[in-house]
Amino acid sequence: MTIPKEYAAAGKAVVNKFCSVRDSKFSAEASTFSVAFAPGAFDEMMAALASATKGEFTFDMPTPSAPAAPKAGKAATGGKPGKKKAGA
């Protein structure tokens, strides 16, 4: 999340209350935090951040990548391709 410098102190207080800070970067324009938080705290945290920063913050959550497609080749049952047994 990124919080403009005007709200850095109030925003950081909210971040520290609700989150575990994994990384932080500070510049002349803003403070940027990489955080972890409990899913149940999300709504309360967002409301507190909106209040503390007058809505002037950005929050980006990475989207999980899709699982890889199964490889072609072997039969769907996991067996080896080959000859059928007699009487089968």
Protein backbone atom coordinates (compact mmCIF):
# COMPACT_ATOMS: atom_id res chain seq x y z
CA MET A 1 0.00 0.00 0.00
CA THR A 2 1.13 3.56 -0.63
CA ILE A 3 0.33 6.50 1.63
CA PRO A 4 1.11 10.10 0.61
CA LYS A 5 3.58 12.02 2.80
CA GLU A 6 0.81 14.31 4.09
CA TYR A 7 -0.75 11.34 5.90
CA ALA A 8 2.40 9.33 6.63
CA ALA A 9 2.21 9.46 10.44
CA ALA A 10 -1.52 8.69 10.71
CA GLY A 11 -1.34 6.05 7.96
CA LYS A 12 1.66 4.31 9.49
CA ALA A 13 -0.14 4.13 12.84
CA VAL A 14 -3.03 2.28 11.13
CA VAL A 15 -0.63 0.00 9.27
CA ASN A 16 1.16 -0.89 12.50
CA LYS A 17 -2.14 -1.57 14.28
CA PHE A 18 -3.57 -3.98 11.69
CA CYS A 19 -0.59 -5.35 9.76
CA SER A 20 2.71 -7.09 9.96
CA VAL A 21 5.05 -4.95 7.84
CA ARG A 22 7.22 -7.08 5.57
CA ASP A 23 8.94 -4.24 3.73
CA SER A 24 8.76 -0.46 3.69
CA LYS A 25 10.11 2.27 1.44
CA PHE A 26 10.01 5.99 2.06
CA SER A 27 10.39 8.79 -0.45
CA ALA A 28 9.75 12.53 -0.52
CA GLU A 29 6.29 11.85 -1.96
CA ALA A 30 4.98 8.76 -0.14
CA SER A 31 5.51 5.76 2.10
CA THR A 32 5.07 2.32 0.57
CA PHE A 33 4.48 -0.78 2.65
CA SER A 34 4.37 -4.47 1.83
CA VAL A 35 2.21 -6.04 4.52
CA ALA A 36 0.49 -9.16 5.77
CA PHE A 37 -2.76 -9.05 7.70
CA ALA A 38 -5.52 -11.29 8.95
CA PRO A 39 -8.34 -11.58 6.38
CA GLY A 40 -10.93 -10.76 9.05
CA ALA A 41 -9.26 -7.39 9.67
CA PHE A 42 -9.45 -6.18 6.06
CA ASP A 43 -12.67 -4.15 6.23
CA GLU A 44 -11.79 -2.49 9.54
CA MET A 45 -8.27 -1.73 8.30
CA MET A 46 -9.56 -0.17 5.07
CA ALA A 47 -12.04 1.98 6.98
CA ALA A 48 -9.32 3.14 9.38
CA LEU A 49 -6.94 3.93 6.49
CA ALA A 50 -9.66 5.83 4.63
CA SER A 51 -10.35 7.90 7.74
CA ALA A 52 -6.69 8.54 8.59
CA THR A 53 -5.74 9.50 5.02
CA LYS A 54 -9.02 11.06 3.86
CA GLY A 55 -9.12 8.31 1.23
CA GLU A 56 -5.72 9.26 -0.18
CA PHE A 57 -3.99 5.89 -0.29
CA THR A 58 -3.58 3.04 -2.74
CA PHE A 59 -3.86 -0.61 -1.90
CA ASP A 60 -2.78 -3.27 -4.38
CA MET A 61 -3.10 -6.99 -3.81
CA PRO A 62 -1.22 -9.32 -6.14
CA THR A 63 -3.45 -11.71 -8.02
CA PRO A 64 -2.52 -15.37 -7.82
CA SER A 65 -1.39 -16.91 -11.07
CA ALA A 66 -3.49 -19.61 -12.67
CA PRO A 67 -2.34 -23.22 -12.18
CA ALA A 68 -0.40 -24.69 -15.06
CA ALA A 69 -2.37 -26.70 -17.60
CA PRO A 70 -1.86 -30.47 -17.43
CA LYS A 71 0.70 -31.83 -19.87
CA ALA A 72 -0.49 -33.97 -22.76
CA GLY A 73 0.78 -37.48 -23.22
CA LYS A 74 -0.22 -39.95 -20.56
CA ALA A 75 -3.77 -41.14 -20.18
CA ALA A 76 -6.05 -39.12 -17.89
CA THR A 77 -6.14 -42.01 -15.41
CA GLY A 78 -2.39 -41.77 -14.92
CA GLY A 79 -1.66 -45.11 -16.53
CA LYS A 80 1.00 -45.71 -19.11
CA PRO A 81 -0.03 -45.87 -22.72
CA GLY A 82 0.64 -49.21 -24.28
CA LYS A 83 -0.83 -52.57 -25.24
CA LYS A 84 -4.13 -53.77 -23.83
CA LYS A 85 -4.08 -56.96 -21.83
CA ALA A 86 -5.66 -59.99 -23.41
CA GLY A 87 -9.27 -60.47 -22.33
CA ALA A 88 -9.69 -56.87 -21.28
